[in-house]
PDB file of N, CA and C in Angstrom:
ATOM      1  N   MET A   1      -7.220   4.542  30.054  1.00  0.00           N
ATOM      2  CA  MET A   1      -7.255   3.103  29.880  1.00  0.00           C
ATOM      3  C   MET A   1      -8.634   2.660  29.401  1.00  0.00           C
ATOM      4  N   ASP A   2      -9.691   3.287  29.916  1.00  0.00           N
ATOM      5  CA  ASP A   2     -11.051   2.917  29.521  1.00  0.00           C
ATOM      6  C   ASP A   2     -11.231   3.069  28.012  1.00  0.00           C
ATOM      7  N   ARG A   3     -10.691   4.156  27.460  1.00  0.00           N
ATOM      8  CA  ARG A   3     -10.792   4.400  26.014  1.00  0.00           C
ATOM      9  C   ARG A   3     -10.086   3.289  25.239  1.00  0.00           C
ATOM     10  N   THR A   4      -8.929   2.878  25.712  1.00  0.00           N
ATOM     11  CA  THR A   4      -8.181   1.811  25.044  1.00  0.00           C
ATOM     12  C   THR A   4      -8.967   0.515  25.072  1.00  0.00           C
ATOM     13  N   LEU A   5      -9.609   0.214  26.185  1.00  0.00           N
ATOM     14  CA  LEU A   5     -10.395  -1.007  26.280  1.00  0.00           C
ATOM     15  C   LEU A   5     -11.615  -0.962  25.362  1.00  0.00           C
ATOM     16  N   ARG A   6     -12.210   0.217  25.227  1.00  0.00           N
ATOM     17  CA  ARG A   6     -13.399   0.352  24.382  1.00  0.00           C
ATOM     18  C   ARG A   6     -13.059   0.368  22.894  1.00  0.00           C
ATOM     19  N   LEU A   7     -12.026   1.118  22.520  1.00  0.00           N
ATOM     20  CA  LEU A   7     -11.738   1.360  21.108  1.00  0.00           C
ATOM     21  C   LEU A   7     -10.540   0.586  20.568  1.00  0.00           C
ATOM     22  N   GLY A   8      -9.744   0.022  21.455  1.00  0.00           N
ATOM     23  CA  GLY A   8      -8.535  -0.677  21.024  1.00  0.00           C
ATOM     24  C   GLY A   8      -7.320   0.232  21.081  1.00  0.00           C
ATOM     25  N   TYR A   9      -6.162  -0.366  20.988  1.00  0.00           N
ATOM     26  CA  TYR A   9      -4.905   0.378  21.070  1.00  0.00           C
ATOM     27  C   TYR A   9      -4.488   0.854  19.687  1.00  0.00           C
ATOM     28  N   SER A  10      -4.042   2.087  19.599  1.00  0.00           N
ATOM     29  CA  SER A  10      -3.520   2.638  18.349  1.00  0.00           C
ATOM     30  C   SER A  10      -2.011   2.793  18.476  1.00  0.00           C
ATOM     31  N   LEU A  11      -1.293   2.313  17.476  1.00  0.00           N
ATOM     32  CA  LEU A  11       0.158   2.453  17.496  1.00  0.00           C
ATOM     33  C   LEU A  11       0.531   3.923  17.438  1.00  0.00           C
ATOM     34  N   GLN A  12       1.587   4.288  18.162  1.00  0.00           N
ATOM     35  CA  GLN A  12       2.047   5.669  18.185  1.00  0.00           C
ATOM     36  C   GLN A  12       3.405   5.728  17.490  1.00  0.00           C
ATOM     37  N   PHE A  13       3.457   6.430  16.375  1.00  0.00           N
ATOM     38  CA  PHE A  13       4.671   6.519  15.573  1.00  0.00           C
ATOM     39  C   PHE A  13       5.458   7.771  15.923  1.00  0.00           C
ATOM     40  N   HIS A  14       6.785   7.653  16.002  1.00  0.00           N
ATOM     41  CA  HIS A  14       7.634   8.833  16.167  1.00  0.00           C
ATOM     42  C   HIS A  14       8.178   9.286  14.811  1.00  0.00           C
ATOM     43  N   SER A  15       8.068   8.419  13.795  1.00  0.00           N
ATOM     44  CA  SER A  15       8.432   8.783  12.426  1.00  0.00           C
ATOM     45  C   SER A  15       7.579   7.959  11.465  1.00  0.00           C
ATOM     46  N   ILE A  16       7.451   8.450  10.261  1.00  0.00           N
ATOM     47  CA  ILE A  16       6.621   7.773   9.264  1.00  0.00           C
ATOM     48  C   ILE A  16       7.442   6.664   8.606  1.00  0.00           C
ATOM     49  N   PRO A  17       6.901   5.447   8.555  1.00  0.00           N
ATOM     50  CA  PRO A  17       7.620   4.373   7.860  1.00  0.00           C
ATOM     51  C   PRO A  17       7.841   4.742   6.391  1.00  0.00           C
ATOM     52  N   PRO A  18       8.888   4.183   5.772  1.00  0.00           N
ATOM     53  CA  PRO A  18       9.160   4.523   4.368  1.00  0.00           C
ATOM     54  C   PRO A  18       8.002   4.125   3.459  1.00  0.00           C
ATOM     55  N   PRO A  19       7.894   4.766   2.299  1.00  0.00           N
ATOM     56  CA  PRO A  19       6.808   4.428   1.376  1.00  0.00           C
ATOM     57  C   PRO A  19       6.930   2.994   0.869  1.00  0.00           C
ATOM     58  N   PHE A  20       5.849   2.486   0.361  1.00  0.00           N
ATOM     59  CA  PHE A  20       5.770   1.125  -0.165  1.00  0.00           C
ATOM     60  C   PHE A  20       6.867   0.885  -1.201  1.00  0.00           C
ATOM     61  N   ARG A  21       7.592  -0.241  -1.036  1.00  0.00           N
ATOM     62  CA  ARG A  21       8.673  -0.573  -1.972  1.00  0.00           C
ATOM     63  C   ARG A  21       8.470  -1.940  -2.615  1.00  0.00           C
ATOM     64  N   GLY A  22       7.276  -2.435  -2.556  1.00  0.00           N
ATOM     65  CA  GLY A  22       6.989  -3.735  -3.151  1.00  0.00           C
ATOM     66  C   GLY A  22       6.892  -4.822  -2.098  1.00  0.00           C
ATOM     67  N   ILE A  23       6.112  -5.820  -2.408  1.00  0.00           N
ATOM     68  CA  ILE A  23       5.918  -6.938  -1.483  1.00  0.00           C
ATOM     69  C   ILE A  23       7.057  -7.932  -1.671  1.00  0.00           C
ATOM     70  N   ARG A  24       7.727  -8.270  -0.577  1.00  0.00           N
ATOM     71  CA  ARG A  24       8.765  -9.302  -0.609  1.00  0.00           C
ATOM     72  C   ARG A  24       8.104 -10.630  -0.281  1.00  0.00           C
ATOM     73  N   GLU A  25       8.298 -11.593  -1.117  1.00  0.00           N
ATOM     74  CA  GLU A  25       7.675 -12.894  -0.897  1.00  0.00           C
ATOM     75  C   GLU A  25       8.589 -13.793  -0.082  1.00  0.00           C
ATOM     76  N   ALA A  26       7.972 -14.600   0.776  1.00  0.00           N
ATOM     77  CA  ALA A  26       8.727 -15.560   1.582  1.00  0.00           C
ATOM     78  C   ALA A  26       9.314 -16.624   0.666  1.00  0.00           C
ATOM     79  N   ASN A  27      10.484 -17.108   1.018  1.00  0.00           N
ATOM     80  CA  ASN A  27      11.163 -18.136   0.241  1.00  0.00           C
ATOM     81  C   ASN A  27      10.733 -19.503   0.767  1.00  0.00           C
ATOM     82  N   LEU A  28       9.737 -20.107   0.147  1.00  0.00           N
ATOM     83  CA  LEU A  28       9.223 -21.403   0.584  1.00  0.00           C
ATOM     84  C   LEU A  28       9.776 -22.482  -0.331  1.00  0.00           C
ATOM     85  N   SER A  29      10.358 -23.533   0.275  1.00  0.00           N
ATOM     86  CA  SER A  29      11.076 -24.522  -0.528  1.00  0.00           C
ATOM     87  C   SER A  29      10.307 -25.812  -0.787  1.00  0.00           C
ATOM     88  N   SER A  30       9.125 -25.973  -0.194  1.00  0.00           N
ATOM     89  CA  SER A  30       8.386 -27.219  -0.413  1.00  0.00           C
ATOM     90  C   SER A  30       6.880 -26.967  -0.408  1.00  0.00           C
ATOM     91  N   GLN A  31       6.143 -27.915  -0.968  1.00  0.00           N
ATOM     92  CA  GLN A  31       4.680 -27.835  -0.950  1.00  0.00           C
ATOM     93  C   GLN A  31       4.172 -27.869   0.487  1.00  0.00           C
ATOM     94  N   GLU A  32       4.879 -28.590   1.352  1.00  0.00           N
ATOM     95  CA  GLU A  32       4.491 -28.661   2.763  1.00  0.00           C
ATOM     96  C   GLU A  32       4.550 -27.271   3.401  1.00  0.00           C
ATOM     97  N   GLU A  33       5.616 -26.523   3.131  1.00  0.00           N
ATOM     98  CA  GLU A  33       5.742 -25.167   3.670  1.00  0.00           C
ATOM     99  C   GLU A  33       4.662 -24.246   3.100  1.00  0.00           C
ATOM    100  N   ILE A  34       4.414 -24.359   1.809  1.00  0.00           N
ATOM    101  CA  ILE A  34       3.383 -23.529   1.172  1.00  0.00           C
ATOM    102  C   ILE A  34       2.020 -23.814   1.798  1.00  0.00           C
ATOM    103  N   GLY A  35       1.696 -25.086   1.983  1.00  0.00           N
ATOM    104  CA  GLY A  35       0.422 -25.467   2.598  1.00  0.00           C
ATOM    105  C   GLY A  35       0.307 -24.992   4.029  1.00  0.00           C
ATOM    106  N   PHE A  36       1.401 -25.132   4.791  1.00  0.00           N
ATOM    107  CA  PHE A  36       1.383 -24.708   6.193  1.00  0.00           C
ATOM    108  C   PHE A  36       1.181 -23.202   6.294  1.00  0.00           C
ATOM    109  N   LEU A  37       1.953 -22.438   5.518  1.00  0.00           N
ATOM    110  CA  LEU A  37       1.851 -20.982   5.596  1.00  0.00           C
ATOM    111  C   LEU A  37       0.483 -20.499   5.118  1.00  0.00           C
ATOM    112  N   SER A  38      -0.043 -21.126   4.087  1.00  0.00           N
ATOM    113  CA  SER A  38      -1.373 -20.766   3.591  1.00  0.00           C
ATOM    114  C   SER A  38      -2.435 -21.018   4.658  1.00  0.00           C
ATOM    115  N   ALA A  39      -2.366 -22.172   5.320  1.00  0.00           N
ATOM    116  CA  ALA A  39      -3.322 -22.494   6.393  1.00  0.00           C
ATOM    117  C   ALA A  39      -3.172 -21.528   7.560  1.00  0.00           C
ATOM    118  N   GLU A  40      -1.943 -21.159   7.871  1.00  0.00           N
ATOM    119  CA  GLU A  40      -1.683 -20.227   8.973  1.00  0.00           C
ATOM    120  C   GLU A  40      -2.291 -18.857   8.676  1.00  0.00           C
ATOM    121  N   VAL A  41      -2.110 -18.377   7.469  1.00  0.00           N
ATOM    122  CA  VAL A  41      -2.669 -17.075   7.083  1.00  0.00           C
ATOM    123  C   VAL A  41      -4.194 -17.131   7.109  1.00  0.00           C
ATOM    124  N   GLN A  42      -4.786 -18.215   6.612  1.00  0.00           N
ATOM    125  CA  GLN A  42      -6.246 -18.358   6.636  1.00  0.00           C
ATOM    126  C   GLN A  42      -6.773 -18.353   8.073  1.00  0.00           C
ATOM    127  N   ALA A  43      -6.048 -19.002   8.984  1.00  0.00           N
ATOM    128  CA  ALA A  43      -6.455 -19.012  10.396  1.00  0.00           C
ATOM    129  C   ALA A  43      -6.413 -17.601  10.974  1.00  0.00           C
ATOM    130  N   LEU A  44      -5.399 -16.817  10.610  1.00  0.00           N
ATOM    131  CA  LEU A  44      -5.304 -15.435  11.091  1.00  0.00           C
ATOM    132  C   LEU A  44      -6.437 -14.575  10.531  1.00  0.00           C
ATOM    133  N   VAL A  45      -6.819 -14.814   9.286  1.00  0.00           N
ATOM    134  CA  VAL A  45      -7.945 -14.084   8.682  1.00  0.00           C
ATOM    135  C   VAL A  45      -9.237 -14.442   9.406  1.00  0.00           C
ATOM    136  N   GLN A  46      -9.448 -15.730   9.685  1.00  0.00           N
ATOM    137  CA  GLN A  46     -10.663 -16.164  10.385  1.00  0.00           C
ATOM    138  C   GLN A  46     -10.746 -15.572  11.787  1.00  0.00           C
ATOM    139  N   LYS A  47      -9.600 -15.440  12.462  1.00  0.00           N
ATOM    140  CA  LYS A  47      -9.567 -14.856  13.809  1.00  0.00           C
ATOM    141  C   LYS A  47      -9.654 -13.333  13.768  1.00  0.00           C
ATOM    142  N   GLN A  48      -9.637 -12.762  12.571  1.00  0.00           N
ATOM    143  CA  GLN A  48      -9.631 -11.319  12.343  1.00  0.00           C
ATOM    144  C   GLN A  48      -8.390 -10.656  12.928  1.00  0.00           C
ATOM    145  N   ALA A  49      -7.295 -11.423  13.002  1.00  0.00           N
ATOM    146  CA  ALA A  49      -6.011 -10.869  13.429  1.00  0.00           C
ATOM    147  C   ALA A  49      -5.364 -10.107  12.273  1.00  0.00           C
ATOM    148  N   VAL A  50      -5.693 -10.509  11.046  1.00  0.00           N
ATOM    149  CA  VAL A  50      -5.261  -9.815   9.832  1.00  0.00           C
ATOM    150  C   VAL A  50      -6.464  -9.729   8.903  1.00  0.00           C
ATOM    151  N   SER A  51      -6.365  -8.880   7.915  1.00  0.00           N
ATOM    152  CA  SER A  51      -7.455  -8.787   6.939  1.00  0.00           C
ATOM    153  C   SER A  51      -6.879  -8.793   5.530  1.00  0.00           C
ATOM    154  N   VAL A  52      -7.701  -9.196   4.595  1.00  0.00           N
ATOM    155  CA  VAL A  52      -7.302  -9.223   3.193  1.00  0.00           C
ATOM    156  C   VAL A  52      -7.219  -7.784   2.693  1.00  0.00           C
ATOM    157  N   VAL A  53      -6.136  -7.462   2.000  1.00  0.00           N
ATOM    158  CA  VAL A  53      -5.943  -6.117   1.461  1.00  0.00           C
ATOM    159  C   VAL A  53      -6.591  -6.054   0.084  1.00  0.00           C
ATOM    160  N   HIS A  54      -7.453  -5.068  -0.115  1.00  0.00           N
ATOM    161  CA  HIS A  54      -8.117  -4.891  -1.404  1.00  0.00           C
ATOM    162  C   HIS A  54      -7.085  -4.501  -2.465  1.00  0.00           C
ATOM    163  N   PRO A  55      -7.277  -4.950  -3.709  1.00  0.00           N
ATOM    164  CA  PRO A  55      -6.296  -4.671  -4.771  1.00  0.00           C
ATOM    165  C   PRO A  55      -5.916  -3.194  -4.903  1.00  0.00           C
ATOM    166  N   GLN A  56      -6.875  -2.278  -4.749  1.00  0.00           N
ATOM    167  CA  GLN A  56      -6.562  -0.854  -4.903  1.00  0.00           C
ATOM    168  C   GLN A  56      -5.714  -0.311  -3.750  1.00  0.00           C
ATOM    169  N   ASP A  57      -5.613  -1.064  -2.642  1.00  0.00           N
ATOM    170  CA  ASP A  57      -4.839  -0.616  -1.485  1.00  0.00           C
ATOM    171  C   ASP A  57      -3.511  -1.352  -1.327  1.00  0.00           C
ATOM    172  N   ARG A  58      -3.166  -2.223  -2.246  1.00  0.00           N
ATOM    173  CA  ARG A  58      -1.982  -3.072  -2.085  1.00  0.00           C
ATOM    174  C   ARG A  58      -0.665  -2.310  -2.082  1.00  0.00           C
ATOM    175  N   GLU A  59      -0.637  -1.116  -2.622  1.00  0.00           N
ATOM    176  CA  GLU A  59       0.611  -0.354  -2.643  1.00  0.00           C
ATOM    177  C   GLU A  59       0.636   0.725  -1.568  1.00  0.00           C
ATOM    178  N   LYS A  60      -0.192   0.560  -0.558  1.00  0.00           N
ATOM    179  CA  LYS A  60      -0.242   1.488   0.572  1.00  0.00           C
ATOM    180  C   LYS A  60       0.144   0.716   1.824  1.00  0.00           C
ATOM    181  N   GLY A  61       0.470   1.423   2.858  1.00  0.00           N
ATOM    182  CA  GLY A  61       0.727   0.769   4.132  1.00  0.00           C
ATOM    183  C   GLY A  61       2.117   0.173   4.239  1.00  0.00           C
ATOM    184  N   HIS A  62       2.291  -0.656   5.243  1.00  0.00           N
ATOM    185  CA  HIS A  62       3.585  -1.271   5.530  1.00  0.00           C
ATOM    186  C   HIS A  62       3.418  -2.782   5.532  1.00  0.00           C
ATOM    187  N   TYR A  63       4.326  -3.480   4.897  1.00  0.00           N
ATOM    188  CA  TYR A  63       4.303  -4.938   4.862  1.00  0.00           C
ATOM    189  C   TYR A  63       5.535  -5.468   5.584  1.00  0.00           C
ATOM    190  N   SER A  64       5.326  -6.460   6.429  1.00  0.00           N
ATOM    191  CA  SER A  64       6.428  -7.129   7.116  1.00  0.00           C
ATOM    192  C   SER A  64       6.540  -8.550   6.583  1.00  0.00           C
ATOM    193  N   LEU A  65       7.753  -9.051   6.547  1.00  0.00           N
ATOM    194  CA  LEU A  65       7.987 -10.396   6.037  1.00  0.00           C
ATOM    195  C   LEU A  65       7.422 -11.434   7.009  1.00  0.00           C
ATOM    196  N   TYR A  66       6.709 -12.409   6.475  1.00  0.00           N
ATOM    197  CA  TYR A  66       6.122 -13.507   7.247  1.00  0.00           C
ATOM    198  C   TYR A  66       6.707 -14.784   6.667  1.00  0.00           C
ATOM    199  N   PHE A  67       7.446 -15.533   7.477  1.00  0.00           N
ATOM    200  CA  PHE A  67       8.137 -16.702   6.957  1.00  0.00           C
ATOM    201  C   PHE A  67       8.124 -17.828   7.981  1.00  0.00           C
ATOM    202  N   LEU A  68       8.704 -18.951   7.628  1.00  0.00           N
ATOM    203  CA  LEU A  68       8.707 -20.133   8.489  1.00  0.00           C
ATOM    204  C   LEU A  68      10.121 -20.517   8.889  1.00  0.00           C
ATOM    205  N   VAL A  69      10.251 -21.011  10.122  1.00  0.00           N
ATOM    206  CA  VAL A  69      11.492 -21.657  10.552  1.00  0.00           C
ATOM    207  C   VAL A  69      11.110 -23.043  11.054  1.00  0.00           C
ATOM    208  N   PRO A  70      11.960 -24.038  10.801  1.00  0.00           N
ATOM    209  CA  PRO A  70      11.623 -25.392  11.242  1.00  0.00           C
ATOM    210  C   PRO A  70      11.796 -25.556  12.751  1.00  0.00           C
ATOM    211  N   LYS A  71      10.890 -26.310  13.352  1.00  0.00           N
ATOM    212  CA  LYS A  71      11.009 -26.689  14.762  1.00  0.00           C
ATOM    213  C   LYS A  71      11.787 -27.999  14.837  1.00  0.00           C
ATOM    214  N   LYS A  72      12.268 -28.342  16.021  1.00  0.00           N
ATOM    215  CA  LYS A  72      12.976 -29.612  16.203  1.00  0.00           C
ATOM    216  C   LYS A  72      12.075 -30.803  15.914  1.00  0.00           C
ATOM    217  N   THR A  73      10.766 -30.608  16.084  1.00  0.00           N
ATOM    218  CA  THR A  73       9.797 -31.688  15.869  1.00  0.00           C
ATOM    219  C   THR A  73       9.536 -31.950  14.388  1.00  0.00           C
ATOM    220  N   GLY A  74      10.068 -31.094  13.517  1.00  0.00           N
ATOM    221  CA  GLY A  74       9.811 -31.231  12.092  1.00  0.00           C
ATOM    222  C   GLY A  74       8.678 -30.342  11.611  1.00  0.00           C
ATOM    223  N   GLU A  75       7.926 -29.761  12.542  1.00  0.00           N
ATOM    224  CA  GLU A  75       6.868 -28.818  12.180  1.00  0.00           C
ATOM    225  C   GLU A  75       7.503 -27.459  11.894  1.00  0.00           C
ATOM    226  N   PHE A  76       6.665 -26.465  11.645  1.00  0.00           N
ATOM    227  CA  PHE A  76       7.164 -25.130  11.338  1.00  0.00           C
ATOM    228  C   PHE A  76       6.639 -24.114  12.340  1.00  0.00           C
ATOM    229  N   ARG A  77       7.439 -23.081  12.548  1.00  0.00           N
ATOM    230  CA  ARG A  77       7.024 -21.956  13.392  1.00  0.00           C
ATOM    231  C   ARG A  77       6.941 -20.723  12.489  1.00  0.00           C
ATOM    232  N   PRO A  78       5.768 -20.081  12.426  1.00  0.00           N
ATOM    233  CA  PRO A  78       5.660 -18.865  11.614  1.00  0.00           C
ATOM    234  C   PRO A  78       6.293 -17.677  12.345  1.00  0.00           C
ATOM    235  N   ILE A  79       6.988 -16.841  11.598  1.00  0.00           N
ATOM    236  CA  ILE A  79       7.659 -15.667  12.150  1.00  0.00           C
ATOM    237  C   ILE A  79       7.187 -14.435  11.387  1.00  0.00           C
ATOM    238  N   LEU A  80       6.742 -13.420  12.113  1.00  0.00           N
ATOM    239  CA  LEU A  80       6.399 -12.128  11.520  1.00  0.00           C
ATOM    240  C   LEU A  80       7.508 -11.161  11.919  1.00  0.00           C
ATOM    241  N   ASP A  81       8.300 -10.735  10.958  1.00  0.00           N
ATOM    242  CA  ASP A  81       9.453  -9.872  11.220  1.00  0.00           C
ATOM    243  C   ASP A  81       9.003  -8.411  11.260  1.00  0.00           C
ATOM    244  N   LEU A  82       8.848  -7.883  12.464  1.00  0.00           N
ATOM    245  CA  LEU A  82       8.362  -6.511  12.647  1.00  0.00           C
ATOM    246  C   LEU A  82       9.478  -5.505  12.913  1.00  0.00           C
ATOM    247  N   ARG A  83      10.737  -5.915  12.720  1.00  0.00           N
ATOM    248  CA  ARG A  83      11.847  -5.005  13.019  1.00  0.00           C
ATOM    249  C   ARG A  83      11.748  -3.693  12.244  1.00  0.00           C
ATOM    250  N   GLY A  84      11.402  -3.761  10.961  1.00  0.00           N
ATOM    251  CA  GLY A  84      11.301  -2.540  10.155  1.00  0.00           C
ATOM    252  C   GLY A  84      10.236  -1.593  10.673  1.00  0.00           C
ATOM    253  N   LEU A  85       9.099  -2.122  11.058  1.00  0.00           N
ATOM    254  CA  LEU A  85       8.014  -1.299  11.599  1.00  0.00           C
ATOM    255  C   LEU A  85       8.371  -0.764  12.985  1.00  0.00           C
ATOM    256  N   ASN A  86       8.978  -1.606  13.810  1.00  0.00           N
ATOM    257  CA  ASN A  86       9.310  -1.205  15.181  1.00  0.00           C
ATOM    258  C   ASN A  86      10.253  -0.007  15.237  1.00  0.00           C
ATOM    259  N   ARG A  87      11.069   0.188  14.210  1.00  0.00           N
ATOM    260  CA  ARG A  87      11.992   1.333  14.191  1.00  0.00           C
ATOM    261  C   ARG A  87      11.247   2.667  14.165  1.00  0.00           C
ATOM    262  N   HIS A  88       9.973   2.662  13.809  1.00  0.00           N
ATOM    263  CA  HIS A  88       9.198   3.899  13.677  1.00  0.00           C
ATOM    264  C   HIS A  88       8.155   4.076  14.782  1.00  0.00           C
ATOM    265  N   ILE A  89       8.085   3.126  15.703  1.00  0.00           N
ATOM    266  CA  ILE A  89       7.075   3.176  16.763  1.00  0.00           C
ATOM    267  C   ILE A  89       7.683   3.703  18.055  1.00  0.00           C
ATOM    268  N   THR A  90       6.945   4.578  18.716  1.00  0.00           N
ATOM    269  CA  THR A  90       7.368   5.116  20.000  1.00  0.00           C
ATOM    270  C   THR A  90       7.289   4.024  21.050  1.00  0.00           C
ATOM    271  N   CYS A  91       8.358   3.864  21.795  1.00  0.00           N
ATOM    272  CA  CYS A  91       8.396   2.859  22.861  1.00  0.00           C
ATOM    273  C   CYS A  91       8.172   3.570  24.192  1.00  0.00           C
ATOM    274  N   ARG A  92       6.986   3.406  24.723  1.00  0.00           N
ATOM    275  CA  ARG A  92       6.660   4.047  25.997  1.00  0.00           C
ATOM    276  C   ARG A  92       6.788   3.039  27.119  1.00  0.00           C
ATOM    277  N   LYS A  93       7.475   3.439  28.163  1.00  0.00           N
ATOM    278  CA  LYS A  93       7.631   2.553  29.309  1.00  0.00           C
ATOM    279  C   LYS A  93       6.370   2.613  30.160  1.00  0.00           C
ATOM    280  N   PHE A  94       6.070   1.508  30.802  1.00  0.00           N
ATOM    281  CA  PHE A  94       4.914   1.464  31.680  1.00  0.00           C
ATOM    282  C   PHE A  94       5.226   0.529  32.840  1.00  0.00           C
ATOM    283  N   HIS A  95       4.442   0.668  33.891  1.00  0.00           N
ATOM    284  CA  HIS A  95       4.610  -0.171  35.071  1.00  0.00           C
ATOM    285  C   HIS A  95       3.504  -1.220  35.064  1.00  0.00           C
ATOM    286  N   MET A  96       3.892  -2.470  34.973  1.00  0.00           N
ATOM    287  CA  MET A  96       2.921  -3.567  34.973  1.00  0.00           C
ATOM    288  C   MET A  96       2.430  -3.775  36.406  1.00  0.00           C
ATOM    289  N   LEU A  97       1.120  -3.804  36.573  1.00  0.00           N
ATOM    290  CA  LEU A  97       0.552  -4.044  37.890  1.00  0.00           C
ATOM    291  C   LEU A  97       0.662  -5.517  38.252  1.00  0.00           C
ATOM    292  N   THR A  98       0.828  -5.772  39.541  1.00  0.00           N
ATOM    293  CA  THR A  98       0.824  -7.151  40.015  1.00  0.00           C
ATOM    294  C   THR A  98      -0.627  -7.591  40.199  1.00  0.00           C
ATOM    295  N   MET A  99      -0.837  -8.887  40.315  1.00  0.00           N
ATOM    296  CA  MET A  99      -2.193  -9.395  40.530  1.00  0.00           C
ATOM    297  C   MET A  99      -2.765  -8.828  41.828  1.00  0.00           C
ATOM    298  N   LYS A 100      -1.933  -8.693  42.844  1.00  0.00           N
ATOM    299  CA  LYS A 100      -2.384  -8.133  44.125  1.00  0.00           C
ATOM    300  C   LYS A 100      -2.886  -6.697  43.924  1.00  0.00           C
ATOM    301  N   GLN A 101      -2.147  -5.895  43.163  1.00  0.00           N
ATOM    302  CA  GLN A 101      -2.559  -4.513  42.916  1.00  0.00           C
ATOM    303  C   GLN A 101      -3.866  -4.450  42.128  1.00  0.00           C
ATOM    304  N   VAL A 102      -4.024  -5.329  41.157  1.00  0.00           N
ATOM    305  CA  VAL A 102      -5.256  -5.365  40.368  1.00  0.00           C
ATOM    306  C   VAL A 102      -6.436  -5.714  41.260  1.00  0.00           C
ATOM    307  N   LEU A 103      -6.277  -6.719  42.097  1.00  0.00           N
ATOM    308  CA  LEU A 103      -7.367  -7.138  42.985  1.00  0.00           C
ATOM    309  C   LEU A 103      -7.745  -6.043  43.970  1.00  0.00           C
ATOM    310  N   GLU A 104      -6.774  -5.234  44.393  1.00  0.00           N
ATOM    311  CA  GLU A 104      -7.063  -4.124  45.302  1.00  0.00           C
ATOM    312  C   GLU A 104      -7.886  -3.030  44.612  1.00  0.00           C
ATOM    313  N   LEU A 105      -7.758  -2.917  43.297  1.00  0.00           N
ATOM    314  CA  LEU A 105      -8.483  -1.887  42.546  1.00  0.00           C
ATOM    315  C   LEU A 105      -9.901  -2.299  42.167  1.00  0.00           C
ATOM    316  N   VAL A 106     -10.162  -3.593  42.117  1.00  0.00           N
ATOM    317  CA  VAL A 106     -11.468  -4.094  41.691  1.00  0.00           C
ATOM    318  C   VAL A 106     -12.485  -3.919  42.811  1.00  0.00           C
ATOM    319  N   ARG A 107     -13.641  -3.391  42.443  1.00  0.00           N
ATOM    320  CA  ARG A 107     -14.733  -3.175  43.396  1.00  0.00           C
ATOM    321  C   ARG A 107     -15.920  -4.041  42.992  1.00  0.00           C
ATOM    322  N   PRO A 108     -16.791  -4.390  43.941  1.00  0.00           N
ATOM    323  CA  PRO A 108     -17.996  -5.153  43.579  1.00  0.00           C
ATOM    324  C   PRO A 108     -18.784  -4.421  42.494  1.00  0.00           C
ATOM    325  N   GLY A 109     -19.219  -5.153  41.494  1.00  0.00           N
ATOM    326  CA  GLY A 109     -19.984  -4.575  40.401  1.00  0.00           C
ATOM    327  C   GLY A 109     -19.143  -4.153  39.209  1.00  0.00           C
ATOM    328  N   ASP A 110     -17.806  -4.214  39.328  1.00  0.00           N
ATOM    329  CA  ASP A 110     -16.930  -3.843  38.195  1.00  0.00           C
ATOM    330  C   ASP A 110     -17.046  -4.829  37.066  1.00  0.00           C
TER     331      ASP A 110
END
C-alpha cells in the first residue's frame, strides 16, 4: 500500500486492449454543448486529471468516448464511457476498512 501511495496506482490488465481504430467524436448538437464540453475538458487538463496527447502519439493508446447527457435542470452531465477499457482490466476484490478499523491502525506520529 505504501508504494501505491507514493507512486500512484497502476491499472492491471488481463488482456491487451485492441489497437487504435480512430478517434470517435462526440455528437454535439448545439454551441452550448460544444462550449460546455470544451470547458469541462479544459478543467480536467488544469486539474491534471487528463493530459493533452502530442500529435505523434495520437494513434497510440486507448480512447474512450466522452459525451454529454442533459440533466433535469437543463445543464449537462459529462459521461466518460469506460466500458471498452474495463473489459481488459483485472477486477481484484478487496475488503474496505471501516473508519473504526482505520483509527485502530493509526499511531501517534503517522
